[in-house]
N, C-alpha and C. Protein backbone atom coordinates (compact mmCIF):
# COMPACT_ATOMS: atom_id res chain seq x y z
N MET A 1 297.02 57.93 42.89
CA MET A 1 298.00 58.58 42.04
C MET A 1 297.27 59.56 41.12
N SER A 2 297.84 60.73 40.92
CA SER A 2 297.22 61.74 40.06
C SER A 2 297.32 61.32 38.60
N LEU A 3 296.50 61.94 37.76
CA LEU A 3 296.53 61.65 36.33
C LEU A 3 297.90 61.99 35.76
N ALA A 4 298.47 63.11 36.16
CA ALA A 4 299.79 63.50 35.66
C ALA A 4 300.85 62.47 36.05
N ALA A 5 300.81 62.00 37.29
CA ALA A 5 301.78 61.00 37.75
C ALA A 5 301.61 59.69 37.00
N THR A 6 300.36 59.30 36.76
CA THR A 6 300.08 58.07 36.01
C THR A 6 300.63 58.17 34.59
N LEU A 7 300.39 59.30 33.92
CA LEU A 7 300.88 59.49 32.56
C LEU A 7 302.41 59.55 32.53
N ARG A 8 303.00 60.22 33.52
CA ARG A 8 304.45 60.32 33.60
C ARG A 8 305.08 58.92 33.72
N ALA A 9 304.51 58.09 34.58
CA ALA A 9 305.02 56.73 34.78
C ALA A 9 304.87 55.90 33.50
N ALA A 10 303.72 56.04 32.82
CA ALA A 10 303.48 55.29 31.59
C ALA A 10 304.43 55.75 30.48
N LEU A 11 304.69 57.05 30.41
CA LEU A 11 305.61 57.59 29.41
C LEU A 11 307.03 57.08 29.67
N ASP A 12 307.45 57.11 30.92
CA ASP A 12 308.78 56.61 31.27
C ASP A 12 308.91 55.12 30.98
N GLU A 13 307.89 54.35 31.33
CA GLU A 13 307.89 52.92 31.07
C GLU A 13 307.90 52.65 29.57
N GLY A 14 307.15 53.46 28.81
CA GLY A 14 307.09 53.30 27.36
C GLY A 14 308.43 53.57 26.70
N ARG A 15 309.19 54.51 27.25
CA ARG A 15 310.51 54.80 26.70
C ARG A 15 311.47 53.63 26.90
N ALA A 16 311.25 52.85 27.94
CA ALA A 16 312.11 51.71 28.23
C ALA A 16 311.85 50.55 27.27
N ARG A 17 310.68 50.55 26.64
CA ARG A 17 310.35 49.50 25.67
C ARG A 17 310.83 49.90 24.28
N ASP A 18 311.07 48.94 23.44
CA ASP A 18 311.43 49.20 22.06
C ASP A 18 310.12 49.26 21.27
N THR A 19 309.47 50.40 21.30
CA THR A 19 308.15 50.55 20.69
C THR A 19 308.28 51.05 19.26
N ALA A 20 307.60 50.41 18.35
CA ALA A 20 307.60 50.86 16.95
C ALA A 20 306.69 52.07 16.82
N LEU A 21 307.27 53.18 16.40
CA LEU A 21 306.49 54.40 16.23
C LEU A 21 306.18 54.62 14.76
N VAL A 22 305.31 55.59 14.51
CA VAL A 22 304.96 55.92 13.13
C VAL A 22 306.21 56.43 12.43
N ALA A 23 306.56 55.80 11.32
CA ALA A 23 307.73 56.23 10.56
C ALA A 23 307.48 57.61 9.99
N ASP A 24 308.40 58.52 10.28
CA ASP A 24 308.22 59.88 9.78
C ASP A 24 309.40 60.34 8.96
N ASP A 25 310.38 59.47 8.75
CA ASP A 25 311.58 59.91 8.06
C ASP A 25 311.77 59.23 6.71
N ARG A 26 310.75 58.52 6.25
CA ARG A 26 310.88 57.83 4.97
C ARG A 26 309.95 58.40 3.90
N LEU A 27 309.35 59.53 4.22
CA LEU A 27 308.42 60.14 3.25
C LEU A 27 309.20 60.97 2.24
N ALA A 28 308.88 60.79 0.97
CA ALA A 28 309.57 61.54 -0.08
C ALA A 28 309.28 63.03 0.05
N GLY A 29 310.28 63.83 -0.24
CA GLY A 29 310.08 65.27 -0.28
C GLY A 29 310.17 65.96 1.06
N MET A 30 310.62 65.28 2.10
CA MET A 30 310.70 65.91 3.40
C MET A 30 311.91 66.82 3.47
N ALA A 31 311.80 67.87 4.23
CA ALA A 31 312.90 68.81 4.40
C ALA A 31 314.06 68.13 5.12
N SER A 32 315.27 68.36 4.64
CA SER A 32 316.44 67.74 5.28
C SER A 32 316.84 68.51 6.53
N ASP A 33 316.44 69.76 6.64
CA ASP A 33 316.75 70.57 7.81
C ASP A 33 315.43 71.14 8.36
N PRO A 34 314.67 70.30 9.07
CA PRO A 34 313.34 70.73 9.50
C PRO A 34 313.37 71.85 10.53
N LEU A 35 312.33 72.66 10.53
CA LEU A 35 312.19 73.74 11.50
C LEU A 35 311.62 73.18 12.81
N PRO A 36 312.16 73.59 13.96
CA PRO A 36 311.66 73.08 15.23
C PRO A 36 310.30 73.70 15.59
N ALA A 37 309.40 72.85 16.06
CA ALA A 37 308.07 73.30 16.48
C ALA A 37 307.67 72.47 17.70
N ALA A 38 306.65 72.94 18.39
CA ALA A 38 306.15 72.22 19.57
C ALA A 38 304.65 72.41 19.66
N VAL A 39 303.97 71.39 20.18
CA VAL A 39 302.53 71.46 20.40
C VAL A 39 302.23 71.02 21.83
N LEU A 40 301.12 71.49 22.36
CA LEU A 40 300.69 71.10 23.70
C LEU A 40 299.63 70.02 23.57
N ALA A 41 300.00 68.79 23.92
CA ALA A 41 299.06 67.67 23.93
C ALA A 41 298.47 67.61 25.33
N ALA A 42 297.42 68.40 25.55
CA ALA A 42 296.85 68.59 26.89
C ALA A 42 295.72 67.62 27.17
N VAL A 43 295.89 66.84 28.24
CA VAL A 43 294.85 65.93 28.71
C VAL A 43 294.08 66.66 29.80
N VAL A 44 292.76 66.70 29.65
CA VAL A 44 291.91 67.39 30.62
C VAL A 44 291.56 66.42 31.74
N ASP A 45 291.84 66.83 32.97
CA ASP A 45 291.69 65.96 34.14
C ASP A 45 290.22 65.88 34.58
N ARG A 46 289.46 65.09 33.85
CA ARG A 46 288.05 64.82 34.17
C ARG A 46 287.94 63.40 34.72
N ALA A 47 286.77 63.03 35.24
CA ALA A 47 286.55 61.67 35.71
C ALA A 47 286.89 60.68 34.60
N ALA A 48 286.48 61.00 33.38
CA ALA A 48 286.92 60.28 32.19
C ALA A 48 287.74 61.29 31.39
N PRO A 49 289.09 61.21 31.45
CA PRO A 49 289.94 62.23 30.83
C PRO A 49 289.65 62.43 29.35
N THR A 50 289.87 63.66 28.91
CA THR A 50 289.70 64.03 27.50
C THR A 50 291.00 64.69 27.04
N MET A 51 291.10 64.94 25.74
CA MET A 51 292.25 65.65 25.19
C MET A 51 291.73 66.87 24.45
N LEU A 52 292.47 67.95 24.57
CA LEU A 52 292.08 69.24 24.01
C LEU A 52 292.63 69.44 22.60
N PHE A 53 291.77 69.92 21.71
CA PHE A 53 292.16 70.22 20.33
C PHE A 53 291.61 71.57 19.92
N THR A 54 292.22 72.14 18.89
CA THR A 54 291.70 73.36 18.29
C THR A 54 291.33 73.07 16.83
N THR A 55 290.46 73.89 16.29
CA THR A 55 290.19 73.88 14.86
C THR A 55 290.70 75.20 14.32
N ARG A 56 291.57 75.12 13.34
CA ARG A 56 292.16 76.34 12.77
C ARG A 56 291.11 77.07 11.93
N THR A 57 291.23 78.38 11.87
CA THR A 57 290.27 79.16 11.10
C THR A 57 290.40 78.85 9.61
N ALA A 58 289.33 79.09 8.89
CA ALA A 58 289.30 78.81 7.45
C ALA A 58 290.11 79.81 6.64
N THR A 59 290.53 80.91 7.27
CA THR A 59 291.23 81.97 6.53
C THR A 59 292.75 81.86 6.60
N LEU A 60 293.26 80.89 7.34
CA LEU A 60 294.71 80.76 7.46
C LEU A 60 295.33 80.31 6.14
N ARG A 61 296.58 80.73 5.92
CA ARG A 61 297.30 80.38 4.68
C ARG A 61 297.58 78.89 4.58
N THR A 62 297.94 78.27 5.70
CA THR A 62 298.26 76.84 5.68
C THR A 62 297.39 76.10 6.68
N HIS A 63 297.03 74.89 6.33
CA HIS A 63 296.25 73.99 7.19
C HIS A 63 294.93 74.60 7.67
N ALA A 64 294.33 75.43 6.84
CA ALA A 64 293.07 76.08 7.18
C ALA A 64 291.99 75.06 7.50
N GLY A 65 291.26 75.29 8.58
CA GLY A 65 290.14 74.44 8.97
C GLY A 65 290.51 73.10 9.58
N GLN A 66 291.80 72.82 9.71
CA GLN A 66 292.21 71.52 10.23
C GLN A 66 292.20 71.48 11.76
N VAL A 67 292.06 70.28 12.27
CA VAL A 67 292.13 70.05 13.71
C VAL A 67 293.60 69.92 14.09
N ALA A 68 293.98 70.54 15.21
CA ALA A 68 295.38 70.53 15.63
C ALA A 68 295.47 70.65 17.14
N PHE A 69 296.64 70.33 17.65
CA PHE A 69 296.98 70.69 19.03
C PHE A 69 297.37 72.16 19.02
N PRO A 70 297.17 72.88 20.11
CA PRO A 70 297.73 74.24 20.17
C PRO A 70 299.24 74.15 20.03
N GLY A 71 299.82 75.03 19.24
CA GLY A 71 301.27 75.01 19.10
C GLY A 71 301.74 75.66 17.83
N GLY A 72 303.03 75.60 17.61
CA GLY A 72 303.62 76.20 16.43
C GLY A 72 305.14 76.19 16.50
N ARG A 73 305.74 77.03 15.70
CA ARG A 73 307.19 77.11 15.58
C ARG A 73 307.82 77.53 16.90
N ILE A 74 308.99 76.97 17.18
CA ILE A 74 309.75 77.39 18.35
C ILE A 74 310.50 78.66 17.96
N ASP A 75 310.19 79.76 18.65
CA ASP A 75 310.81 81.05 18.38
C ASP A 75 312.16 81.16 19.08
N PRO A 76 313.04 82.05 18.58
CA PRO A 76 314.35 82.22 19.22
C PRO A 76 314.25 82.60 20.71
N GLY A 77 313.20 83.29 21.09
CA GLY A 77 313.03 83.70 22.49
C GLY A 77 312.50 82.60 23.40
N ASP A 78 312.09 81.47 22.84
CA ASP A 78 311.57 80.37 23.65
C ASP A 78 312.73 79.59 24.28
N ALA A 79 312.54 79.15 25.51
CA ALA A 79 313.57 78.38 26.21
C ALA A 79 313.66 76.94 25.70
N GLY A 80 312.72 76.51 24.89
CA GLY A 80 312.70 75.15 24.35
C GLY A 80 311.29 74.76 23.99
N PRO A 81 311.06 73.47 23.72
CA PRO A 81 309.73 73.02 23.29
C PRO A 81 308.63 73.28 24.32
N ILE A 82 308.93 73.09 25.59
CA ILE A 82 307.89 73.31 26.62
C ILE A 82 307.47 74.77 26.64
N ASP A 83 308.44 75.66 26.65
CA ASP A 83 308.14 77.09 26.66
C ASP A 83 307.36 77.50 25.41
N ALA A 84 307.75 76.95 24.25
CA ALA A 84 307.06 77.29 23.00
C ALA A 84 305.62 76.78 23.01
N ALA A 85 305.42 75.54 23.46
CA ALA A 85 304.06 74.98 23.50
C ALA A 85 303.17 75.76 24.45
N LEU A 86 303.70 76.14 25.61
CA LEU A 86 302.92 76.92 26.57
C LEU A 86 302.60 78.30 26.03
N ARG A 87 303.58 78.95 25.39
CA ARG A 87 303.35 80.27 24.80
C ARG A 87 302.28 80.20 23.72
N GLU A 88 302.39 79.22 22.83
CA GLU A 88 301.43 79.08 21.74
C GLU A 88 300.02 78.80 22.27
N ALA A 89 299.90 77.94 23.28
CA ALA A 89 298.59 77.64 23.85
C ALA A 89 297.98 78.88 24.50
N GLU A 90 298.82 79.68 25.13
CA GLU A 90 298.35 80.92 25.73
C GLU A 90 297.86 81.89 24.66
N GLU A 91 298.62 81.98 23.56
CA GLU A 91 298.25 82.88 22.47
C GLU A 91 297.00 82.40 21.74
N GLU A 92 296.90 81.10 21.51
CA GLU A 92 295.82 80.56 20.67
C GLU A 92 294.49 80.41 21.40
N ILE A 93 294.53 80.00 22.67
CA ILE A 93 293.26 79.75 23.37
C ILE A 93 293.23 80.33 24.80
N ALA A 94 294.19 81.21 25.10
CA ALA A 94 294.27 81.85 26.42
C ALA A 94 294.37 80.84 27.57
N LEU A 95 295.14 79.77 27.33
CA LEU A 95 295.36 78.76 28.37
C LEU A 95 296.46 79.28 29.30
N PRO A 96 296.13 79.53 30.57
CA PRO A 96 297.14 80.07 31.49
C PRO A 96 298.24 79.05 31.77
N ARG A 97 299.49 79.47 31.63
CA ARG A 97 300.64 78.58 31.85
C ARG A 97 300.63 77.96 33.24
N ASP A 98 300.18 78.73 34.22
CA ASP A 98 300.25 78.24 35.60
C ASP A 98 299.19 77.18 35.90
N ARG A 99 298.32 76.88 34.94
CA ARG A 99 297.32 75.82 35.11
C ARG A 99 297.71 74.54 34.39
N VAL A 100 298.92 74.53 33.82
CA VAL A 100 299.39 73.38 33.04
C VAL A 100 300.41 72.59 33.85
N ASP A 101 300.15 71.29 34.02
CA ASP A 101 301.07 70.38 34.69
C ASP A 101 301.77 69.57 33.60
N VAL A 102 303.00 69.97 33.28
CA VAL A 102 303.73 69.30 32.20
C VAL A 102 304.16 67.91 32.66
N VAL A 103 303.79 66.90 31.87
CA VAL A 103 304.12 65.51 32.15
C VAL A 103 305.50 65.17 31.57
N GLY A 104 305.74 65.59 30.33
CA GLY A 104 307.02 65.33 29.68
C GLY A 104 306.92 65.48 28.18
N LEU A 105 308.03 65.26 27.51
CA LEU A 105 308.07 65.37 26.06
C LEU A 105 307.77 64.02 25.43
N ALA A 106 306.85 64.03 24.48
CA ALA A 106 306.56 62.81 23.72
C ALA A 106 307.52 62.76 22.53
N ASP A 107 307.40 61.72 21.73
CA ASP A 107 308.32 61.54 20.61
C ASP A 107 308.12 62.61 19.54
N PRO A 108 309.21 63.24 19.08
CA PRO A 108 309.09 64.24 18.01
C PRO A 108 308.57 63.59 16.73
N TYR A 109 307.91 64.38 15.93
CA TYR A 109 307.36 63.90 14.66
C TYR A 109 307.75 64.89 13.57
N GLN A 110 308.35 64.39 12.51
CA GLN A 110 308.74 65.26 11.41
C GLN A 110 307.66 65.25 10.34
N THR A 111 307.18 66.43 10.00
CA THR A 111 306.09 66.55 9.03
C THR A 111 306.62 66.70 7.61
N VAL A 112 305.78 66.37 6.66
CA VAL A 112 306.16 66.54 5.26
C VAL A 112 306.25 68.01 4.88
N SER A 113 305.68 68.89 5.71
CA SER A 113 305.75 70.33 5.42
C SER A 113 307.01 70.98 5.98
N GLY A 114 307.92 70.17 6.57
CA GLY A 114 309.21 70.71 6.95
C GLY A 114 309.38 71.09 8.41
N PHE A 115 308.58 70.53 9.30
CA PHE A 115 308.71 70.83 10.73
C PHE A 115 309.02 69.55 11.51
N ARG A 116 309.84 69.70 12.52
CA ARG A 116 310.07 68.61 13.49
C ARG A 116 309.34 69.04 14.75
N VAL A 117 308.20 68.40 15.00
CA VAL A 117 307.27 68.82 16.06
C VAL A 117 307.48 67.97 17.31
N THR A 118 307.69 68.64 18.43
CA THR A 118 307.80 67.96 19.71
C THR A 118 306.49 68.13 20.47
N PRO A 119 305.75 67.05 20.71
CA PRO A 119 304.55 67.15 21.52
C PRO A 119 304.92 67.23 23.01
N VAL A 120 304.33 68.19 23.68
CA VAL A 120 304.52 68.35 25.12
C VAL A 120 303.27 67.80 25.79
N LEU A 121 303.40 66.65 26.42
CA LEU A 121 302.26 66.02 27.10
C LEU A 121 302.05 66.72 28.43
N ALA A 122 300.80 67.10 28.71
CA ALA A 122 300.49 67.85 29.92
C ALA A 122 299.09 67.51 30.40
N VAL A 123 298.80 67.88 31.64
CA VAL A 123 297.47 67.72 32.21
C VAL A 123 296.98 69.11 32.62
N ILE A 124 295.72 69.40 32.28
CA ILE A 124 295.12 70.67 32.67
C ILE A 124 293.80 70.39 33.40
N PRO A 125 293.40 71.33 34.27
CA PRO A 125 292.12 71.14 34.95
C PRO A 125 290.95 71.32 34.00
N PRO A 126 289.79 70.76 34.35
CA PRO A 126 288.61 70.92 33.49
C PRO A 126 288.01 72.31 33.60
N ASP A 127 287.23 72.65 32.61
CA ASP A 127 286.38 73.84 32.60
C ASP A 127 287.12 75.16 32.75
N LEU A 128 288.32 75.25 32.17
CA LEU A 128 289.01 76.53 32.13
C LEU A 128 288.29 77.45 31.15
N PRO A 129 288.26 78.75 31.39
CA PRO A 129 287.58 79.67 30.47
C PRO A 129 288.45 79.99 29.26
N LEU A 130 288.58 79.03 28.36
CA LEU A 130 289.43 79.18 27.18
C LEU A 130 288.75 80.08 26.15
N VAL A 131 289.56 80.91 25.50
CA VAL A 131 289.05 81.86 24.50
C VAL A 131 289.88 81.72 23.23
N PRO A 132 289.28 81.27 22.13
CA PRO A 132 290.03 81.12 20.88
C PRO A 132 290.49 82.47 20.33
N HIS A 133 291.72 82.52 19.85
CA HIS A 133 292.24 83.71 19.16
C HIS A 133 291.52 83.79 17.82
N ASP A 134 290.80 84.87 17.58
CA ASP A 134 289.88 84.91 16.43
C ASP A 134 290.56 84.80 15.07
N VAL A 135 291.83 85.12 14.95
CA VAL A 135 292.51 85.02 13.66
C VAL A 135 292.98 83.60 13.39
N GLU A 136 293.42 82.90 14.45
CA GLU A 136 294.04 81.58 14.27
C GLU A 136 293.12 80.40 14.57
N VAL A 137 292.24 80.56 15.55
CA VAL A 137 291.48 79.41 16.05
C VAL A 137 289.99 79.65 15.92
N ALA A 138 289.31 78.77 15.19
CA ALA A 138 287.85 78.88 15.02
C ALA A 138 287.14 78.43 16.29
N ASP A 139 287.62 77.32 16.88
CA ASP A 139 287.05 76.84 18.13
C ASP A 139 287.98 75.81 18.75
N TRP A 140 287.60 75.32 19.90
CA TRP A 140 288.34 74.25 20.57
C TRP A 140 287.32 73.23 21.05
N PHE A 141 287.80 72.01 21.26
CA PHE A 141 286.90 70.94 21.70
C PHE A 141 287.72 69.86 22.39
N GLU A 142 287.04 68.94 23.03
CA GLU A 142 287.68 67.83 23.73
C GLU A 142 287.19 66.50 23.15
N VAL A 143 288.10 65.52 23.15
CA VAL A 143 287.78 64.17 22.70
C VAL A 143 288.17 63.22 23.83
N PRO A 144 287.35 62.21 24.13
CA PRO A 144 287.72 61.26 25.18
C PRO A 144 289.10 60.66 24.93
N PHE A 145 289.94 60.72 25.94
CA PHE A 145 291.33 60.26 25.82
C PHE A 145 291.39 58.76 25.49
N GLY A 146 290.55 57.98 26.14
CA GLY A 146 290.52 56.54 25.87
C GLY A 146 290.17 56.23 24.42
N PHE A 147 289.27 57.01 23.85
CA PHE A 147 288.89 56.85 22.44
C PHE A 147 290.10 57.08 21.55
N LEU A 148 290.86 58.14 21.84
CA LEU A 148 292.02 58.48 21.03
C LEU A 148 293.12 57.43 21.10
N LEU A 149 293.28 56.82 22.27
CA LEU A 149 294.36 55.85 22.45
C LEU A 149 294.01 54.47 21.92
N ASP A 150 292.74 54.23 21.61
CA ASP A 150 292.29 52.92 21.14
C ASP A 150 292.72 52.71 19.69
N PRO A 151 293.58 51.70 19.42
CA PRO A 151 294.04 51.49 18.05
C PRO A 151 292.93 51.20 17.05
N ALA A 152 291.76 50.79 17.51
CA ALA A 152 290.65 50.55 16.59
C ALA A 152 290.21 51.84 15.88
N HIS A 153 290.56 52.98 16.46
CA HIS A 153 290.17 54.27 15.87
C HIS A 153 291.29 54.91 15.05
N HIS A 154 292.44 54.24 14.94
CA HIS A 154 293.58 54.76 14.19
C HIS A 154 293.49 54.23 12.76
N LEU A 155 292.77 54.94 11.93
CA LEU A 155 292.52 54.52 10.56
C LEU A 155 293.69 54.91 9.65
N VAL A 156 294.14 53.98 8.83
CA VAL A 156 295.22 54.27 7.88
C VAL A 156 294.60 54.62 6.54
N ARG A 157 294.98 55.77 6.04
CA ARG A 157 294.48 56.25 4.74
C ARG A 157 295.68 56.49 3.83
N ASP A 158 295.41 56.73 2.56
CA ASP A 158 296.50 57.14 1.67
C ASP A 158 295.99 58.18 0.70
N GLY A 159 296.92 58.95 0.22
CA GLY A 159 296.60 60.00 -0.73
C GLY A 159 297.85 60.42 -1.47
N GLU A 160 297.69 61.29 -2.44
CA GLU A 160 298.83 61.73 -3.22
C GLU A 160 299.31 63.07 -2.69
N TRP A 161 300.62 63.21 -2.56
CA TRP A 161 301.24 64.46 -2.13
C TRP A 161 302.50 64.66 -2.95
N ARG A 162 302.55 65.75 -3.72
CA ARG A 162 303.68 66.06 -4.59
C ARG A 162 304.02 64.89 -5.52
N GLY A 163 302.97 64.32 -6.08
CA GLY A 163 303.15 63.27 -7.06
C GLY A 163 303.49 61.90 -6.49
N GLN A 164 303.51 61.78 -5.19
CA GLN A 164 303.84 60.49 -4.55
C GLN A 164 302.67 60.05 -3.68
N ARG A 165 302.50 58.74 -3.61
CA ARG A 165 301.48 58.16 -2.74
C ARG A 165 302.02 58.15 -1.32
N ARG A 166 301.26 58.60 -0.35
CA ARG A 166 301.72 58.52 1.03
C ARG A 166 300.59 58.08 1.93
N HIS A 167 300.95 57.43 3.02
CA HIS A 167 299.98 56.96 4.00
C HIS A 167 299.92 57.95 5.16
N TYR A 168 298.75 58.08 5.75
CA TYR A 168 298.59 58.94 6.92
C TYR A 168 297.51 58.34 7.80
N TYR A 169 297.46 58.81 9.04
CA TYR A 169 296.45 58.36 9.98
C TYR A 169 295.30 59.34 10.03
N GLU A 170 294.13 58.79 10.37
CA GLU A 170 292.92 59.60 10.53
C GLU A 170 292.15 59.02 11.72
N ILE A 171 291.66 59.91 12.57
CA ILE A 171 290.83 59.53 13.71
C ILE A 171 289.54 60.33 13.59
N LEU A 172 288.42 59.63 13.53
CA LEU A 172 287.12 60.31 13.38
C LEU A 172 286.37 60.24 14.70
N TRP A 173 285.94 61.39 15.17
CA TRP A 173 285.15 61.45 16.40
C TRP A 173 284.00 62.42 16.17
N ARG A 174 282.78 61.88 16.23
CA ARG A 174 281.57 62.66 15.91
C ARG A 174 281.77 63.33 14.55
N ASP A 175 281.65 64.66 14.49
CA ASP A 175 281.80 65.33 13.20
C ASP A 175 283.22 65.88 13.02
N ARG A 176 284.16 65.43 13.83
CA ARG A 176 285.54 65.93 13.79
C ARG A 176 286.46 64.93 13.09
N ARG A 177 287.35 65.47 12.28
CA ARG A 177 288.34 64.66 11.57
C ARG A 177 289.74 65.10 12.02
N ILE A 178 290.41 64.21 12.72
CA ILE A 178 291.77 64.45 13.17
C ILE A 178 292.66 63.61 12.26
N TRP A 179 293.58 64.24 11.56
CA TRP A 179 294.36 63.48 10.59
C TRP A 179 295.76 64.06 10.46
N GLY A 180 296.56 63.39 9.63
CA GLY A 180 297.91 63.88 9.34
C GLY A 180 298.82 63.83 10.55
N ALA A 181 299.61 64.87 10.72
CA ALA A 181 300.61 64.91 11.78
C ALA A 181 299.98 64.82 13.17
N THR A 182 298.84 65.46 13.37
CA THR A 182 298.19 65.41 14.68
C THR A 182 297.77 63.98 15.02
N ALA A 183 297.16 63.30 14.06
CA ALA A 183 296.77 61.91 14.30
C ALA A 183 298.00 61.02 14.49
N ALA A 184 299.06 61.25 13.72
CA ALA A 184 300.28 60.44 13.87
C ALA A 184 300.88 60.63 15.25
N MET A 185 300.85 61.84 15.78
CA MET A 185 301.38 62.08 17.13
C MET A 185 300.54 61.36 18.17
N ILE A 186 299.24 61.27 17.95
CA ILE A 186 298.36 60.52 18.86
C ILE A 186 298.68 59.03 18.80
N VAL A 187 298.87 58.51 17.58
CA VAL A 187 299.21 57.10 17.42
C VAL A 187 300.54 56.81 18.12
N ASN A 188 301.53 57.67 17.92
CA ASN A 188 302.82 57.50 18.60
C ASN A 188 302.64 57.51 20.11
N LEU A 189 301.84 58.43 20.62
CA LEU A 189 301.61 58.53 22.05
C LEU A 189 300.93 57.26 22.57
N ALA A 190 299.94 56.76 21.83
CA ALA A 190 299.26 55.53 22.23
C ALA A 190 300.25 54.37 22.31
N ARG A 191 301.12 54.28 21.33
CA ARG A 191 302.12 53.22 21.33
C ARG A 191 303.10 53.39 22.48
N ARG A 192 303.53 54.61 22.71
CA ARG A 192 304.48 54.89 23.79
C ARG A 192 303.87 54.59 25.16
N LEU A 193 302.57 54.88 25.29
CA LEU A 193 301.89 54.62 26.58
C LEU A 193 301.45 53.17 26.72
N GLY A 194 301.73 52.37 25.67
CA GLY A 194 301.40 50.95 25.74
C GLY A 194 299.95 50.63 25.46
N ARG A 195 299.26 51.53 24.74
CA ARG A 195 297.84 51.30 24.46
C ARG A 195 297.61 50.76 23.06
N ALA A 196 298.65 50.63 22.27
CA ALA A 196 298.45 50.13 20.91
C ALA A 196 299.28 48.89 20.68
């Protein structure tokens, strides 16, 4: 069975279970009418699969220097979350749409910054000649998929945001810090796939 088929089956099976996901609707100060967004949660089809991430440039107005999935706001011209995630990945790292095998939509996650983000789970071949968009993306990297799905690496942290204490997830891999909404989407995916 291919990696995409295996993930598709696990995602479908996970939806049939009553899985507790990361609560995203009880945080104070969240937008009541969130903006739709989508990200590409791309698993690289290696002997030991990895997941693709970008690091945002330090000059961006929001979330500068943070680790993220390729993605962004769903534009009016997008046919939906899949189209938006593929468009954004193409713009941000020159990932060709025709090399992406979409597995399905993972659970949406509402951020405290006012977005309802739909992760698009997909499989891509290894060693594509990806090129970061110099204004938005400082670089891209891969993290072992098994490492990300392991609940031992899902660290719970807390901090203050708009005068309120809030909890968030953090995943540390080598010198990379994956946290906030991106980490929460990984935790949700791990739970949905039955790995947590």
